[in-house]
Amino acid sequence: MTLIKTTLAEQAYQELRSRIVTGRLPGGTRLLPNELAADLGISPTPVKDACLRLEADGLLVTSARRGMVVRSFNEDDVEELYAARMLIEKGAVEAAFEAGKLDAELQVRLKDSLENHRRYADGTSLDDLAQALVHDRAFHSTLVAAAGIRTIAEVHARIVSQTHTLFVSIPGEYGRSVAEHQDILDAIIAGEKARIVEALLKHLEQSRRNTLRQVKQLAQTATEPGDRRGSIKP
């Protein structure tokens, strides 16, 4: 793949972020800027800039021995990420409800995300799962953005990207999230604040449990990692 020569660092960032979130660059993968630059058809400098942004997003870590590596998550990471999601999403939904922002227009957007999510959620391929997660993120991002607090929405987007990298490592009981999103949407349509919060927290708690189970599976099945390289074709 060759990128056009405009805002190269941004394009490199978007491409590498996509590869990480969709599982094409799994946790533990070593990223070599020179190889990635050759893959993308650009110089190493914008790739290095992109990697710094991805590190700030919590998707890469710097190792003294191996350099930039795609982040792997442990059980403590999962607990922290979901605690943050619950606080942010609950607060955002309550604020949006009180401000009258969970209106008919927002409900249409949520319904569109849900229908697209449903189309891919029961698929068996990595591409199906990656597409489902795009629409999953859109559903939650729409809810958080309804509160009208941009800084919170930006933080939330980073956190959700981190949690979703785990789903593409070991697909778990993911299809059930569609029904849980439907419960949230039904509560919004009914205009019942307590029911909305209950459905949202129930969904996030189930997701937390599923993600913890995935992390434990990864830990149990892991073998001594090789030096996986990051120049993977999309």
C-alpha atoms as a PDB file:
ATOM      1  CA  MET A   1       0.000   0.000   0.000  1.00  0.00           C
ATOM      2  CA  THR A   2       1.278   3.479  -0.904  1.00  0.00           C
ATOM      3  CA  LEU A   3      -0.135   6.565   0.790  1.00  0.00           C
ATOM      4  CA  ILE A   4      -0.646   9.868  -0.975  1.00  0.00           C
ATOM      5  CA  LYS A   5       1.887  12.510   0.025  1.00  0.00           C
ATOM      6  CA  THR A   6      -0.337  14.689   2.210  1.00  0.00           C
ATOM      7  CA  THR A   7      -0.464  14.657   6.020  1.00  0.00           C
ATOM      8  CA  LEU A   8       1.665  11.537   5.984  1.00  0.00           C
ATOM      9  CA  ALA A   9       1.931  11.218   9.753  1.00  0.00           C
ATOM     10  CA  GLU A  10      -1.867  11.349  10.077  1.00  0.00           C
ATOM     11  CA  GLN A  11      -2.361   8.772   7.335  1.00  0.00           C
ATOM     12  CA  ALA A  12       0.289   6.497   8.825  1.00  0.00           C
ATOM     13  CA  TYR A  13      -1.389   6.875  12.218  1.00  0.00           C
ATOM     14  CA  GLN A  14      -4.822   5.949  10.857  1.00  0.00           C
ATOM     15  CA  GLU A  15      -3.476   2.961   8.935  1.00  0.00           C
ATOM     16  CA  LEU A  16      -1.439   1.554  11.835  1.00  0.00           C
ATOM     17  CA  ARG A  17      -4.255   2.180  14.292  1.00  0.00           C
ATOM     18  CA  SER A  18      -6.621   0.286  11.998  1.00  0.00           C
ATOM     19  CA  ARG A  19      -4.209  -2.647  11.794  1.00  0.00           C
ATOM     20  CA  ILE A  20      -3.910  -2.800  15.586  1.00  0.00           C
ATOM     21  CA  VAL A  21      -7.609  -2.459  16.363  1.00  0.00           C
ATOM     22  CA  THR A  22      -8.584  -5.057  13.731  1.00  0.00           C
ATOM     23  CA  GLY A  23      -5.992  -7.553  14.924  1.00  0.00           C
ATOM     24  CA  ARG A  24      -3.714  -7.434  11.897  1.00  0.00           C
ATOM     25  CA  LEU A  25      -1.002  -6.217  14.275  1.00  0.00           C
ATOM     26  CA  PRO A  26      -1.637  -8.314  17.408  1.00  0.00           C
ATOM     27  CA  GLY A  27      -0.325  -7.678  20.893  1.00  0.00           C
ATOM     28  CA  GLY A  28       3.394  -8.299  21.190  1.00  0.00           C
ATOM     29  CA  THR A  29       4.152  -7.388  17.580  1.00  0.00           C
ATOM     30  CA  ARG A  30       7.372  -5.403  17.196  1.00  0.00           C
ATOM     31  CA  LEU A  31       7.062  -2.324  14.975  1.00  0.00           C
ATOM     32  CA  LEU A  32      10.116  -1.395  12.933  1.00  0.00           C
ATOM     33  CA  PRO A  33       9.733   2.108  11.461  1.00  0.00           C
ATOM     34  CA  ASN A  34      11.978   1.446   8.448  1.00  0.00           C
ATOM     35  CA  GLU A  35      10.034  -1.671   7.430  1.00  0.00           C
ATOM     36  CA  LEU A  36       6.680   0.010   8.010  1.00  0.00           C
ATOM     37  CA  ALA A  37       7.816   3.029   6.009  1.00  0.00           C
ATOM     38  CA  ALA A  38       8.748   0.792   3.079  1.00  0.00           C
ATOM     39  CA  ASP A  39       5.394  -0.960   3.376  1.00  0.00           C
ATOM     40  CA  LEU A  40       3.496   2.344   3.338  1.00  0.00           C
ATOM     41  CA  GLY A  41       5.697   3.963   0.688  1.00  0.00           C
ATOM     42  CA  ILE A  42       6.790   6.875   2.869  1.00  0.00           C
ATOM     43  CA  SER A  43       9.842   7.923   4.882  1.00  0.00           C
ATOM     44  CA  PRO A  44      10.404   6.672   8.457  1.00  0.00           C
ATOM     45  CA  THR A  45       9.822  10.091  10.073  1.00  0.00           C
ATOM     46  CA  PRO A  46       5.994  10.190   9.751  1.00  0.00           C
ATOM     47  CA  VAL A  47       5.855   6.548  10.835  1.00  0.00           C
ATOM     48  CA  LYS A  48       7.785   7.413  13.997  1.00  0.00           C
ATOM     49  CA  ASP A  49       5.419  10.343  14.610  1.00  0.00           C
ATOM     50  CA  ALA A  50       2.444   8.015  14.145  1.00  0.00           C
ATOM     51  CA  CYS A  51       3.921   5.520  16.601  1.00  0.00           C
ATOM     52  CA  LEU A  52       4.303   8.231  19.233  1.00  0.00           C
ATOM     53  CA  ARG A  53       0.599   9.050  18.873  1.00  0.00           C
ATOM     54  CA  LEU A  54      -0.321   5.382  19.131  1.00  0.00           C
ATOM     55  CA  GLU A  55       1.758   5.125  22.289  1.00  0.00           C
ATOM     56  CA  ALA A  56      -0.168   8.090  23.720  1.00  0.00           C
ATOM     57  CA  ASP A  57      -3.391   6.260  22.804  1.00  0.00           C
ATOM     58  CA  GLY A  58      -2.259   3.280  24.856  1.00  0.00           C
ATOM     59  CA  LEU A  59      -1.981   0.976  21.843  1.00  0.00           C
ATOM     60  CA  LEU A  60       1.837   0.772  21.759  1.00  0.00           C
ATOM     61  CA  VAL A  61       4.467   0.503  24.473  1.00  0.00           C
ATOM     62  CA  THR A  62       8.179   1.191  24.338  1.00  0.00           C
ATOM     63  CA  SER A  63      10.506  -1.622  25.350  1.00  0.00           C
ATOM     64  CA  ALA A  64      14.187  -0.956  26.043  1.00  0.00           C
ATOM     65  CA  ARG A  65      15.021  -4.294  24.434  1.00  0.00           C
ATOM     66  CA  ARG A  66      12.562  -4.403  21.530  1.00  0.00           C
ATOM     67  CA  GLY A  67      11.609  -0.791  20.796  1.00  0.00           C
ATOM     68  CA  MET A  68       7.973  -0.075  19.874  1.00  0.00           C
ATOM     69  CA  VAL A  69       5.679  -3.036  20.520  1.00  0.00           C
ATOM     70  CA  VAL A  70       1.908  -3.421  20.142  1.00  0.00           C
ATOM     71  CA  ARG A  71       0.516  -3.411  23.649  1.00  0.00           C
ATOM     72  CA  SER A  72      -0.674  -6.617  25.297  1.00  0.00           C
ATOM     73  CA  PHE A  73      -3.225  -6.354  28.091  1.00  0.00           C
ATOM     74  CA  ASN A  74      -3.380  -8.151  31.440  1.00  0.00           C
ATOM     75  CA  GLU A  75      -6.258  -8.613  33.881  1.00  0.00           C
ATOM     76  CA  ASP A  76      -5.455  -5.434  35.824  1.00  0.00           C
ATOM     77  CA  ASP A  77      -5.531  -3.439  32.574  1.00  0.00           C
ATOM     78  CA  VAL A  78      -8.967  -4.826  31.751  1.00  0.00           C
ATOM     79  CA  GLU A  79     -10.368  -3.987  35.181  1.00  0.00           C
ATOM     80  CA  GLU A  80      -9.050  -0.431  34.926  1.00  0.00           C
ATOM     81  CA  LEU A  81     -10.308   0.131  31.390  1.00  0.00           C
ATOM     82  CA  TYR A  82     -13.803  -1.087  32.172  1.00  0.00           C
ATOM     83  CA  ALA A  83     -13.981   0.888  35.405  1.00  0.00           C
ATOM     84  CA  ALA A  84     -13.189   3.979  33.307  1.00  0.00           C
ATOM     85  CA  ARG A  85     -15.762   3.046  30.659  1.00  0.00           C
ATOM     86  CA  MET A  86     -18.494   2.548  33.242  1.00  0.00           C
ATOM     87  CA  LEU A  87     -17.823   5.916  34.851  1.00  0.00           C
ATOM     88  CA  ILE A  88     -17.633   7.766  31.547  1.00  0.00           C
ATOM     89  CA  GLU A  89     -20.544   6.118  29.769  1.00  0.00           C
ATOM     90  CA  LYS A  90     -22.902   6.204  32.757  1.00  0.00           C
ATOM     91  CA  GLY A  91     -22.130   9.870  33.408  1.00  0.00           C
ATOM     92  CA  ALA A  92     -22.421  10.802  29.741  1.00  0.00           C
ATOM     93  CA  VAL A  93     -25.760   9.046  29.276  1.00  0.00           C
ATOM     94  CA  GLU A  94     -27.197  10.628  32.422  1.00  0.00           C
ATOM     95  CA  ALA A  95     -26.044  14.079  31.303  1.00  0.00           C
ATOM     96  CA  ALA A  96     -27.423  13.543  27.797  1.00  0.00           C
ATOM     97  CA  PHE A  97     -30.766  12.361  29.214  1.00  0.00           C
ATOM     98  CA  GLU A  98     -31.105  15.393  31.474  1.00  0.00           C
ATOM     99  CA  ALA A  99     -30.244  17.702  28.554  1.00  0.00           C
ATOM    100  CA  GLY A 100     -32.841  16.076  26.309  1.00  0.00           C
ATOM    101  CA  LYS A 101     -30.183  14.891  23.875  1.00  0.00           C
ATOM    102  CA  LEU A 102     -31.358  11.264  23.647  1.00  0.00           C
ATOM    103  CA  ASP A 103     -33.875  12.432  21.094  1.00  0.00           C
ATOM    104  CA  ALA A 104     -35.390  10.945  17.934  1.00  0.00           C
ATOM    105  CA  GLU A 105     -32.449  12.003  15.763  1.00  0.00           C
ATOM    106  CA  LEU A 106     -29.948  10.283  18.052  1.00  0.00           C
ATOM    107  CA  GLN A 107     -32.166   7.216  18.211  1.00  0.00           C
ATOM    108  CA  VAL A 108     -32.056   6.899  14.426  1.00  0.00           C
ATOM    109  CA  ARG A 109     -28.241   7.027  14.500  1.00  0.00           C
ATOM    110  CA  LEU A 110     -28.128   4.380  17.225  1.00  0.00           C
ATOM    111  CA  LYS A 111     -30.507   2.185  15.257  1.00  0.00           C
ATOM    112  CA  ASP A 112     -28.319   2.485  12.138  1.00  0.00           C
ATOM    113  CA  SER A 113     -25.218   1.501  14.136  1.00  0.00           C
ATOM    114  CA  LEU A 114     -27.100  -1.404  15.678  1.00  0.00           C
ATOM    115  CA  GLU A 115     -28.307  -2.750  12.342  1.00  0.00           C
ATOM    116  CA  ASN A 116     -24.816  -2.589  10.866  1.00  0.00           C
ATOM    117  CA  HIS A 117     -23.450  -4.187  14.027  1.00  0.00           C
ATOM    118  CA  ARG A 118     -25.992  -7.005  13.760  1.00  0.00           C
ATOM    119  CA  ARG A 119     -24.952  -7.712  10.170  1.00  0.00           C
ATOM    120  CA  TYR A 120     -21.400  -8.649  11.173  1.00  0.00           C
ATOM    121  CA  ALA A 121     -21.561  -9.718  14.825  1.00  0.00           C
ATOM    122  CA  ASP A 122     -22.258 -13.405  14.198  1.00  0.00           C
ATOM    123  CA  GLY A 123     -19.624 -13.732  11.486  1.00  0.00           C
ATOM    124  CA  THR A 124     -16.806 -16.195  11.923  1.00  0.00           C
ATOM    125  CA  SER A 125     -13.948 -14.348  10.224  1.00  0.00           C
ATOM    126  CA  LEU A 126     -11.595 -11.736  11.631  1.00  0.00           C
ATOM    127  CA  ASP A 127     -12.875  -9.279   9.025  1.00  0.00           C
ATOM    128  CA  ASP A 128     -16.463  -9.827  10.199  1.00  0.00           C
ATOM    129  CA  LEU A 129     -15.442  -9.215  13.798  1.00  0.00           C
ATOM    130  CA  ALA A 130     -13.421  -6.128  12.878  1.00  0.00           C
ATOM    131  CA  GLN A 131     -16.423  -4.659  11.031  1.00  0.00           C
ATOM    132  CA  ALA A 132     -18.740  -5.494  13.924  1.00  0.00           C
ATOM    133  CA  LEU A 133     -16.416  -3.681  16.302  1.00  0.00           C
ATOM    134  CA  VAL A 134     -16.454  -0.565  14.096  1.00  0.00           C
ATOM    135  CA  HIS A 135     -20.226  -0.354  14.535  1.00  0.00           C
ATOM    136  CA  ASP A 136     -19.998  -1.332  18.204  1.00  0.00           C
ATOM    137  CA  ARG A 137     -17.671   1.636  18.775  1.00  0.00           C
ATOM    138  CA  ALA A 138     -20.005   3.893  16.806  1.00  0.00           C
ATOM    139  CA  PHE A 139     -22.932   2.970  19.076  1.00  0.00           C
ATOM    140  CA  HIS A 140     -21.047   3.752  22.282  1.00  0.00           C
ATOM    141  CA  SER A 141     -19.351   6.827  20.835  1.00  0.00           C
ATOM    142  CA  THR A 142     -22.726   8.232  19.806  1.00  0.00           C
ATOM    143  CA  LEU A 143     -24.022   7.805  23.348  1.00  0.00           C
ATOM    144  CA  VAL A 144     -21.004   9.502  24.914  1.00  0.00           C
ATOM    145  CA  ALA A 145     -20.901  12.315  22.344  1.00  0.00           C
ATOM    146  CA  ALA A 146     -24.536  13.132  23.143  1.00  0.00           C
ATOM    147  CA  ALA A 147     -23.362  14.634  26.433  1.00  0.00           C
ATOM    148  CA  GLY A 148     -21.610  17.343  24.418  1.00  0.00           C
ATOM    149  CA  ILE A 149     -18.264  17.171  26.236  1.00  0.00           C
ATOM    150  CA  ARG A 150     -15.568  16.760  23.597  1.00  0.00           C
ATOM    151  CA  THR A 151     -12.704  16.011  25.979  1.00  0.00           C
ATOM    152  CA  ILE A 152     -14.632  13.130  27.547  1.00  0.00           C
ATOM    153  CA  ALA A 153     -15.546  11.797  24.108  1.00  0.00           C
ATOM    154  CA  GLU A 154     -11.887  11.806  23.044  1.00  0.00           C
ATOM    155  CA  VAL A 155     -10.754   9.966  26.166  1.00  0.00           C
ATOM    156  CA  HIS A 156     -13.562   7.460  25.728  1.00  0.00           C
ATOM    157  CA  ALA A 157     -12.552   6.771  22.114  1.00  0.00           C
ATOM    158  CA  ARG A 158      -9.018   5.875  23.218  1.00  0.00           C
ATOM    159  CA  ILE A 159     -10.278   3.573  25.951  1.00  0.00           C
ATOM    160  CA  VAL A 160     -12.702   1.740  23.669  1.00  0.00           C
ATOM    161  CA  SER A 161      -9.988   1.201  21.059  1.00  0.00           C
ATOM    162  CA  GLN A 162      -7.837  -0.415  23.731  1.00  0.00           C
ATOM    163  CA  THR A 163     -10.573  -2.770  24.925  1.00  0.00           C
ATOM    164  CA  HIS A 164     -11.487  -3.768  21.387  1.00  0.00           C
ATOM    165  CA  THR A 165      -7.963  -4.896  20.528  1.00  0.00           C
ATOM    166  CA  LEU A 166      -8.599  -7.783  22.915  1.00  0.00           C
ATOM    167  CA  PHE A 167     -11.716  -8.960  21.089  1.00  0.00           C
ATOM    168  CA  VAL A 168      -9.763  -9.550  17.894  1.00  0.00           C
ATOM    169  CA  SER A 169      -7.192 -11.604  19.792  1.00  0.00           C
ATOM    170  CA  ILE A 170      -9.662 -14.269  20.900  1.00  0.00           C
ATOM    171  CA  PRO A 171     -13.245 -13.785  19.660  1.00  0.00           C
ATOM    172  CA  GLY A 172     -15.498 -14.669  22.579  1.00  0.00           C
ATOM    173  CA  GLU A 173     -19.252 -14.523  23.115  1.00  0.00           C
ATOM    174  CA  TYR A 174     -19.487 -11.395  21.030  1.00  0.00           C
ATOM    175  CA  GLY A 175     -22.800 -11.878  19.228  1.00  0.00           C
ATOM    176  CA  ARG A 176     -24.761 -11.338  22.439  1.00  0.00           C
ATOM    177  CA  SER A 177     -23.638  -7.691  22.520  1.00  0.00           C
ATOM    178  CA  VAL A 178     -26.171  -6.918  19.765  1.00  0.00           C
ATOM    179  CA  ALA A 179     -29.065  -7.926  22.018  1.00  0.00           C
ATOM    180  CA  GLU A 180     -27.579  -5.865  24.840  1.00  0.00           C
ATOM    181  CA  HIS A 181     -27.311  -2.820  22.579  1.00  0.00           C
ATOM    182  CA  GLN A 182     -30.951  -3.392  21.606  1.00  0.00           C
ATOM    183  CA  ASP A 183     -31.909  -3.315  25.288  1.00  0.00           C
ATOM    184  CA  ILE A 184     -30.124   0.031  25.684  1.00  0.00           C
ATOM    185  CA  LEU A 185     -31.853   1.470  22.608  1.00  0.00           C
ATOM    186  CA  ASP A 186     -35.271   0.195  23.738  1.00  0.00           C
ATOM    187  CA  ALA A 187     -34.776   1.907  27.098  1.00  0.00           C
ATOM    188  CA  ILE A 188     -33.811   5.164  25.373  1.00  0.00           C
ATOM    189  CA  ILE A 189     -36.893   5.003  23.148  1.00  0.00           C
ATOM    190  CA  ALA A 190     -39.034   4.388  26.245  1.00  0.00           C
ATOM    191  CA  GLY A 191     -37.481   7.474  27.868  1.00  0.00           C
ATOM    192  CA  GLU A 192     -36.724   5.704  31.162  1.00  0.00           C
ATOM    193  CA  LYS A 193     -33.483   6.987  32.666  1.00  0.00           C
ATOM    194  CA  ALA A 194     -33.015   4.281  35.306  1.00  0.00           C
ATOM    195  CA  ARG A 195     -33.677   1.563  32.725  1.00  0.00           C
ATOM    196  CA  ILE A 196     -31.145   3.103  30.321  1.00  0.00           C
ATOM    197  CA  VAL A 197     -28.427   3.173  32.969  1.00  0.00           C
ATOM    198  CA  GLU A 198     -29.256  -0.359  34.113  1.00  0.00           C
ATOM    199  CA  ALA A 199     -29.079  -1.747  30.560  1.00  0.00           C
ATOM    200  CA  LEU A 200     -25.833   0.086  29.843  1.00  0.00           C
ATOM    201  CA  LEU A 201     -24.082  -1.073  33.011  1.00  0.00           C
ATOM    202  CA  LYS A 202     -25.329  -4.636  32.540  1.00  0.00           C
ATOM    203  CA  HIS A 203     -23.847  -4.628  29.039  1.00  0.00           C
ATOM    204  CA  LEU A 204     -20.499  -3.218  30.163  1.00  0.00           C
ATOM    205  CA  GLU A 205     -20.279  -5.675  33.057  1.00  0.00           C
ATOM    206  CA  GLN A 206     -20.917  -8.612  30.728  1.00  0.00           C
ATOM    207  CA  SER A 207     -18.308  -7.236  28.332  1.00  0.00           C
ATOM    208  CA  ARG A 208     -15.842  -6.888  31.205  1.00  0.00           C
ATOM    209  CA  ARG A 209     -16.340 -10.506  32.213  1.00  0.00           C
ATOM    210  CA  ASN A 210     -15.983 -11.717  28.646  1.00  0.00           C
ATOM    211  CA  THR A 211     -12.819  -9.676  28.135  1.00  0.00           C
ATOM    212  CA  LEU A 212     -11.283 -10.989  31.364  1.00  0.00           C
ATOM    213  CA  ARG A 213     -12.031 -14.504  30.187  1.00  0.00           C
ATOM    214  CA  GLN A 214     -10.269 -13.752  26.909  1.00  0.00           C
ATOM    215  CA  VAL A 215      -7.200 -12.378  28.679  1.00  0.00           C
ATOM    216  CA  LYS A 216      -7.008 -15.472  30.865  1.00  0.00           C
ATOM    217  CA  GLN A 217      -7.249 -17.676  27.767  1.00  0.00           C
ATOM    218  CA  LEU A 218      -4.433 -15.755  26.137  1.00  0.00           C
ATOM    219  CA  ALA A 219      -2.265 -16.145  29.228  1.00  0.00           C
ATOM    220  CA  GLN A 220      -2.955 -19.888  29.403  1.00  0.00           C
ATOM    221  CA  THR A 221      -2.284 -20.591  25.730  1.00  0.00           C
ATOM    222  CA  ALA A 222       0.653 -18.224  25.247  1.00  0.00           C
ATOM    223  CA  THR A 223       3.939 -19.743  24.179  1.00  0.00           C
ATOM    224  CA  GLU A 224       7.330 -18.054  24.185  1.00  0.00           C
ATOM    225  CA  PRO A 225       6.747 -15.139  21.766  1.00  0.00           C
ATOM    226  CA  GLY A 226       8.799 -14.791  18.639  1.00  0.00           C
ATOM    227  CA  ASP A 227      10.001 -11.470  17.317  1.00  0.00           C
ATOM    228  CA  ARG A 228       6.933 -10.733  15.221  1.00  0.00           C
ATOM    229  CA  ARG A 229       7.443  -7.885  12.817  1.00  0.00           C
ATOM    230  CA  GLY A 230       5.042  -5.068  12.079  1.00  0.00           C
ATOM    231  CA  SER A 231       5.280  -4.808   8.282  1.00  0.00           C
ATOM    232  CA  ILE A 232       2.074  -6.755   7.647  1.00  0.00           C
ATOM    233  CA  LYS A 233       0.123  -6.101   4.489  1.00  0.00           C
ATOM    234  CA  PRO A 234      -3.469  -4.909   5.007  1.00  0.00           C
END
